[in-house]
Amino acid sequence: MESVYFYEEDVSKDVSKILEDDFFKRLGYTVRECSLLGSERKGYFLYIKANSEDIDRAEKKFEGIGLKKLIGEELKIVTAAFIAEEENAASGMGMIFG
């Protein structure tokens, strides 16, 4: 299961502090500036790929700090951008070590 969240610059320190938790280090996540993924939003996207229980737990940790869960077409577009970025990184590593 994949979830993507948007947050603005003014809460980035709060989000970073929460992401330092051991739970997130084990879970794995990716943060990218919106503009790097072709979005016109100003801020950051947080991408989490995990099972539904871990995503629910992550969402509880973020309550009240201003993360907005993406839905619909925007979710599809941003998720595809994260997946493409991961594939490009993997193929690049293959060329280096292949």
N, C-alpha and C. Protein backbone atom coordinates (compact mmCIF):
# COMPACT_ATOMS: atom_id res chain seq x y z
N MET A 1 0.85 -1.18 0.00
CA MET A 1 0.00 0.00 0.00
C MET A 1 0.89 1.24 0.00
N GLU A 2 0.44 2.25 -0.73
CA GLU A 2 1.20 3.49 -0.83
C GLU A 2 0.32 4.67 -0.42
N SER A 3 0.93 5.61 0.28
CA SER A 3 0.25 6.85 0.64
C SER A 3 1.19 8.00 0.38
N VAL A 4 0.60 9.12 -0.06
CA VAL A 4 1.39 10.32 -0.31
C VAL A 4 0.71 11.48 0.41
N TYR A 5 1.52 12.30 1.04
CA TYR A 5 1.04 13.44 1.82
C TYR A 5 1.75 14.70 1.33
N PHE A 6 1.07 15.80 1.47
CA PHE A 6 1.63 17.11 1.14
C PHE A 6 1.75 17.91 2.42
N TYR A 7 2.86 18.65 2.54
CA TYR A 7 2.97 19.60 3.64
C TYR A 7 3.76 20.81 3.17
N GLU A 8 3.47 21.93 3.82
CA GLU A 8 4.09 23.19 3.45
C GLU A 8 5.38 23.41 4.23
N GLU A 9 6.17 24.35 3.75
CA GLU A 9 7.47 24.66 4.34
C GLU A 9 7.38 25.00 5.83
N ASP A 10 6.32 25.69 6.23
CA ASP A 10 6.23 26.14 7.62
C ASP A 10 6.09 25.01 8.63
N VAL A 11 5.74 23.80 8.21
CA VAL A 11 5.66 22.67 9.14
C VAL A 11 6.77 21.64 8.90
N SER A 12 7.71 21.97 8.00
CA SER A 12 8.73 20.99 7.64
C SER A 12 9.62 20.59 8.82
N LYS A 13 9.89 21.51 9.74
CA LYS A 13 10.70 21.15 10.91
C LYS A 13 9.96 20.17 11.80
N ASP A 14 8.65 20.38 11.98
CA ASP A 14 7.85 19.45 12.78
C ASP A 14 7.81 18.07 12.14
N VAL A 15 7.63 18.04 10.82
CA VAL A 15 7.59 16.76 10.11
C VAL A 15 8.94 16.07 10.21
N SER A 16 10.03 16.80 10.02
CA SER A 16 11.37 16.22 10.11
C SER A 16 11.62 15.62 11.49
N LYS A 17 11.17 16.30 12.52
CA LYS A 17 11.34 15.80 13.88
C LYS A 17 10.60 14.48 14.07
N ILE A 18 9.39 14.38 13.55
CA ILE A 18 8.62 13.14 13.66
C ILE A 18 9.28 12.03 12.85
N LEU A 19 9.81 12.36 11.67
CA LEU A 19 10.45 11.36 10.82
C LEU A 19 11.73 10.80 11.42
N GLU A 20 12.29 11.45 12.44
CA GLU A 20 13.48 10.93 13.11
C GLU A 20 13.16 9.76 14.03
N ASP A 21 11.89 9.52 14.30
CA ASP A 21 11.45 8.41 15.13
C ASP A 21 11.92 7.08 14.52
N ASP A 22 12.32 6.13 15.36
CA ASP A 22 12.78 4.83 14.89
C ASP A 22 11.73 4.12 14.03
N PHE A 23 10.47 4.34 14.33
CA PHE A 23 9.39 3.73 13.54
C PHE A 23 9.54 4.09 12.07
N PHE A 24 9.80 5.35 11.77
CA PHE A 24 9.93 5.79 10.38
C PHE A 24 11.23 5.33 9.76
N LYS A 25 12.29 5.21 10.55
CA LYS A 25 13.54 4.71 10.02
C LYS A 25 13.38 3.26 9.55
N ARG A 26 12.61 2.47 10.31
CA ARG A 26 12.35 1.08 9.92
C ARG A 26 11.36 1.00 8.77
N LEU A 27 10.40 1.90 8.77
CA LEU A 27 9.33 1.89 7.77
C LEU A 27 9.85 2.27 6.39
N GLY A 28 10.62 3.29 6.34
CA GLY A 28 11.10 3.80 5.06
C GLY A 28 10.10 4.78 4.47
N TYR A 29 10.61 5.86 3.96
CA TYR A 29 9.79 6.91 3.38
C TYR A 29 10.67 7.72 2.45
N THR A 30 10.05 8.54 1.63
CA THR A 30 10.78 9.44 0.74
C THR A 30 10.12 10.81 0.80
N VAL A 31 10.93 11.85 0.91
CA VAL A 31 10.45 13.23 0.89
C VAL A 31 11.07 13.92 -0.31
N ARG A 32 10.24 14.61 -1.08
CA ARG A 32 10.72 15.37 -2.22
C ARG A 32 10.00 16.71 -2.29
N GLU A 33 10.73 17.72 -2.76
CA GLU A 33 10.08 19.01 -3.02
C GLU A 33 9.06 18.79 -4.13
N CYS A 34 7.93 19.44 -3.99
CA CYS A 34 6.85 19.29 -4.98
C CYS A 34 7.32 19.63 -6.38
N SER A 35 8.11 20.69 -6.50
CA SER A 35 8.54 21.13 -7.83
C SER A 35 9.41 20.08 -8.53
N LEU A 36 10.13 19.25 -7.78
CA LEU A 36 10.97 18.22 -8.38
C LEU A 36 10.15 17.11 -9.02
N LEU A 37 8.88 17.00 -8.61
CA LEU A 37 8.01 15.97 -9.17
C LEU A 37 7.00 16.56 -10.16
N GLY A 38 7.23 17.80 -10.57
CA GLY A 38 6.40 18.42 -11.58
C GLY A 38 5.12 19.05 -11.07
N SER A 39 5.00 19.20 -9.77
CA SER A 39 3.79 19.79 -9.19
C SER A 39 3.94 21.31 -9.06
N GLU A 40 2.83 21.99 -9.11
CA GLU A 40 2.84 23.44 -8.90
C GLU A 40 2.68 23.81 -7.43
N ARG A 41 2.45 22.82 -6.58
CA ARG A 41 2.34 23.10 -5.15
C ARG A 41 3.67 23.59 -4.62
N LYS A 42 3.61 24.38 -3.55
CA LYS A 42 4.81 24.87 -2.88
C LYS A 42 4.93 24.14 -1.55
N GLY A 43 5.94 23.30 -1.43
CA GLY A 43 6.13 22.51 -0.22
C GLY A 43 6.75 21.17 -0.56
N TYR A 44 6.34 20.13 0.16
CA TYR A 44 6.96 18.82 0.05
C TYR A 44 5.91 17.72 -0.04
N PHE A 45 6.31 16.63 -0.70
CA PHE A 45 5.51 15.41 -0.70
C PHE A 45 6.24 14.38 0.14
N LEU A 46 5.49 13.65 0.93
CA LEU A 46 6.01 12.54 1.73
C LEU A 46 5.37 11.27 1.18
N TYR A 47 6.19 10.33 0.75
CA TYR A 47 5.73 9.07 0.16
C TYR A 47 6.06 7.94 1.11
N ILE A 48 5.05 7.15 1.44
CA ILE A 48 5.24 6.00 2.32
C ILE A 48 4.68 4.78 1.62
N LYS A 49 5.48 3.72 1.55
CA LYS A 49 5.03 2.45 1.01
C LYS A 49 5.16 1.43 2.13
N ALA A 50 4.00 0.96 2.62
CA ALA A 50 3.98 0.04 3.76
C ALA A 50 2.64 -0.67 3.81
N ASN A 51 2.50 -1.55 4.79
CA ASN A 51 1.20 -2.20 4.95
C ASN A 51 0.22 -1.22 5.59
N SER A 52 -1.05 -1.55 5.53
CA SER A 52 -2.08 -0.61 5.99
C SER A 52 -1.97 -0.28 7.48
N GLU A 53 -1.55 -1.27 8.31
CA GLU A 53 -1.41 -1.00 9.74
C GLU A 53 -0.32 0.03 10.01
N ASP A 54 0.80 -0.10 9.30
CA ASP A 54 1.90 0.85 9.50
C ASP A 54 1.52 2.25 8.98
N ILE A 55 0.78 2.30 7.90
CA ILE A 55 0.34 3.61 7.39
C ILE A 55 -0.63 4.26 8.38
N ASP A 56 -1.53 3.47 8.95
CA ASP A 56 -2.44 4.01 9.97
C ASP A 56 -1.65 4.55 11.16
N ARG A 57 -0.64 3.80 11.58
CA ARG A 57 0.19 4.22 12.72
C ARG A 57 0.95 5.51 12.39
N ALA A 58 1.46 5.59 11.17
CA ALA A 58 2.18 6.80 10.73
C ALA A 58 1.24 8.00 10.74
N GLU A 59 0.02 7.82 10.24
CA GLU A 59 -0.94 8.92 10.19
C GLU A 59 -1.29 9.42 11.59
N LYS A 60 -1.34 8.52 12.56
CA LYS A 60 -1.61 8.94 13.94
C LYS A 60 -0.48 9.81 14.47
N LYS A 61 0.75 9.48 14.10
CA LYS A 61 1.90 10.27 14.57
C LYS A 61 1.90 11.67 13.96
N PHE A 62 1.28 11.83 12.78
CA PHE A 62 1.26 13.12 12.09
C PHE A 62 0.03 13.95 12.40
N GLU A 63 -0.88 13.46 13.22
CA GLU A 63 -2.11 14.20 13.50
C GLU A 63 -1.81 15.58 14.06
N GLY A 64 -2.50 16.57 13.52
CA GLY A 64 -2.42 17.92 14.05
C GLY A 64 -1.26 18.77 13.57
N ILE A 65 -0.45 18.29 12.61
CA ILE A 65 0.67 19.13 12.18
C ILE A 65 0.54 19.66 10.76
N GLY A 66 -0.54 19.34 10.07
CA GLY A 66 -0.77 19.97 8.77
C GLY A 66 -0.44 19.15 7.55
N LEU A 67 -0.31 17.83 7.69
CA LEU A 67 -0.13 17.00 6.51
C LEU A 67 -1.49 16.79 5.85
N LYS A 68 -1.49 16.83 4.53
CA LYS A 68 -2.72 16.59 3.77
C LYS A 68 -2.50 15.35 2.92
N LYS A 69 -3.35 14.35 3.10
CA LYS A 69 -3.24 13.11 2.33
C LYS A 69 -3.79 13.35 0.92
N LEU A 70 -3.00 12.96 -0.07
CA LEU A 70 -3.43 13.13 -1.45
C LEU A 70 -4.44 12.05 -1.81
N ILE A 71 -5.38 12.41 -2.65
CA ILE A 71 -6.39 11.46 -3.12
C ILE A 71 -6.62 11.69 -4.61
N GLY A 72 -7.30 10.77 -5.24
CA GLY A 72 -7.73 10.93 -6.62
C GLY A 72 -6.61 11.01 -7.62
N GLU A 73 -6.82 11.82 -8.63
CA GLU A 73 -5.90 11.93 -9.75
C GLU A 73 -4.52 12.45 -9.32
N GLU A 74 -4.50 13.40 -8.40
CA GLU A 74 -3.21 13.92 -7.94
C GLU A 74 -2.40 12.81 -7.27
N LEU A 75 -3.05 11.96 -6.50
CA LEU A 75 -2.36 10.83 -5.86
C LEU A 75 -1.73 9.94 -6.93
N LYS A 76 -2.47 9.63 -7.97
CA LYS A 76 -1.95 8.76 -9.04
C LYS A 76 -0.74 9.38 -9.72
N ILE A 77 -0.82 10.66 -10.01
CA ILE A 77 0.27 11.35 -10.71
C ILE A 77 1.53 11.41 -9.84
N VAL A 78 1.38 11.79 -8.60
CA VAL A 78 2.55 11.93 -7.71
C VAL A 78 3.14 10.56 -7.39
N THR A 79 2.30 9.56 -7.17
CA THR A 79 2.80 8.20 -6.90
C THR A 79 3.59 7.70 -8.10
N ALA A 80 3.08 7.92 -9.31
CA ALA A 80 3.80 7.51 -10.52
C ALA A 80 5.15 8.20 -10.62
N ALA A 81 5.21 9.47 -10.22
CA ALA A 81 6.48 10.20 -10.25
C ALA A 81 7.48 9.61 -9.25
N PHE A 82 7.02 9.25 -8.06
CA PHE A 82 7.90 8.61 -7.07
C PHE A 82 8.40 7.26 -7.59
N ILE A 83 7.51 6.48 -8.17
CA ILE A 83 7.89 5.15 -8.68
C ILE A 83 8.90 5.30 -9.83
N ALA A 84 8.66 6.24 -10.73
CA ALA A 84 9.59 6.47 -11.83
C ALA A 84 10.96 6.89 -11.31
N GLU A 85 10.96 7.73 -10.27
CA GLU A 85 12.22 8.17 -9.67
C GLU A 85 12.99 6.98 -9.09
N GLU A 86 12.27 6.08 -8.39
CA GLU A 86 12.90 4.89 -7.82
C GLU A 86 13.47 3.99 -8.91
N GLU A 87 12.71 3.81 -10.01
CA GLU A 87 13.17 2.97 -11.11
C GLU A 87 14.40 3.56 -11.78
N ASN A 88 14.41 4.87 -11.95
CA ASN A 88 15.58 5.53 -12.55
C ASN A 88 16.80 5.36 -11.66
N ALA A 89 16.61 5.48 -10.37
CA ALA A 89 17.74 5.30 -9.44
C ALA A 89 18.24 3.87 -9.49
N ALA A 90 17.32 2.92 -9.55
CA ALA A 90 17.73 1.50 -9.59
C ALA A 90 18.46 1.18 -10.89
N SER A 91 17.99 1.70 -12.01
CA SER A 91 18.66 1.42 -13.27
C SER A 91 20.01 2.10 -13.32
N GLY A 92 20.14 3.26 -12.72
CA GLY A 92 21.43 3.94 -12.66
C GLY A 92 22.44 3.16 -11.85
N MET A 93 22.01 2.58 -10.76
CA MET A 93 22.90 1.76 -9.93
C MET A 93 23.31 0.51 -10.71
N GLY A 94 22.38 -0.03 -11.50
CA GLY A 94 22.70 -1.20 -12.30
C GLY A 94 23.78 -0.89 -13.33
N MET A 95 23.74 0.30 -13.88
CA MET A 95 24.75 0.68 -14.87
C MET A 95 26.11 0.89 -14.21
N ILE A 96 26.09 1.36 -12.97
CA ILE A 96 27.35 1.58 -12.26
C ILE A 96 27.99 0.24 -11.87
N PHE A 97 27.16 -0.68 -11.31
CA PHE A 97 27.69 -1.93 -10.80
C PHE A 97 27.51 -3.09 -11.74
N GLY A 98 26.83 -2.89 -12.86
CA GLY A 98 26.49 -3.98 -13.78
C GLY A 98 27.59 -4.41 -14.68
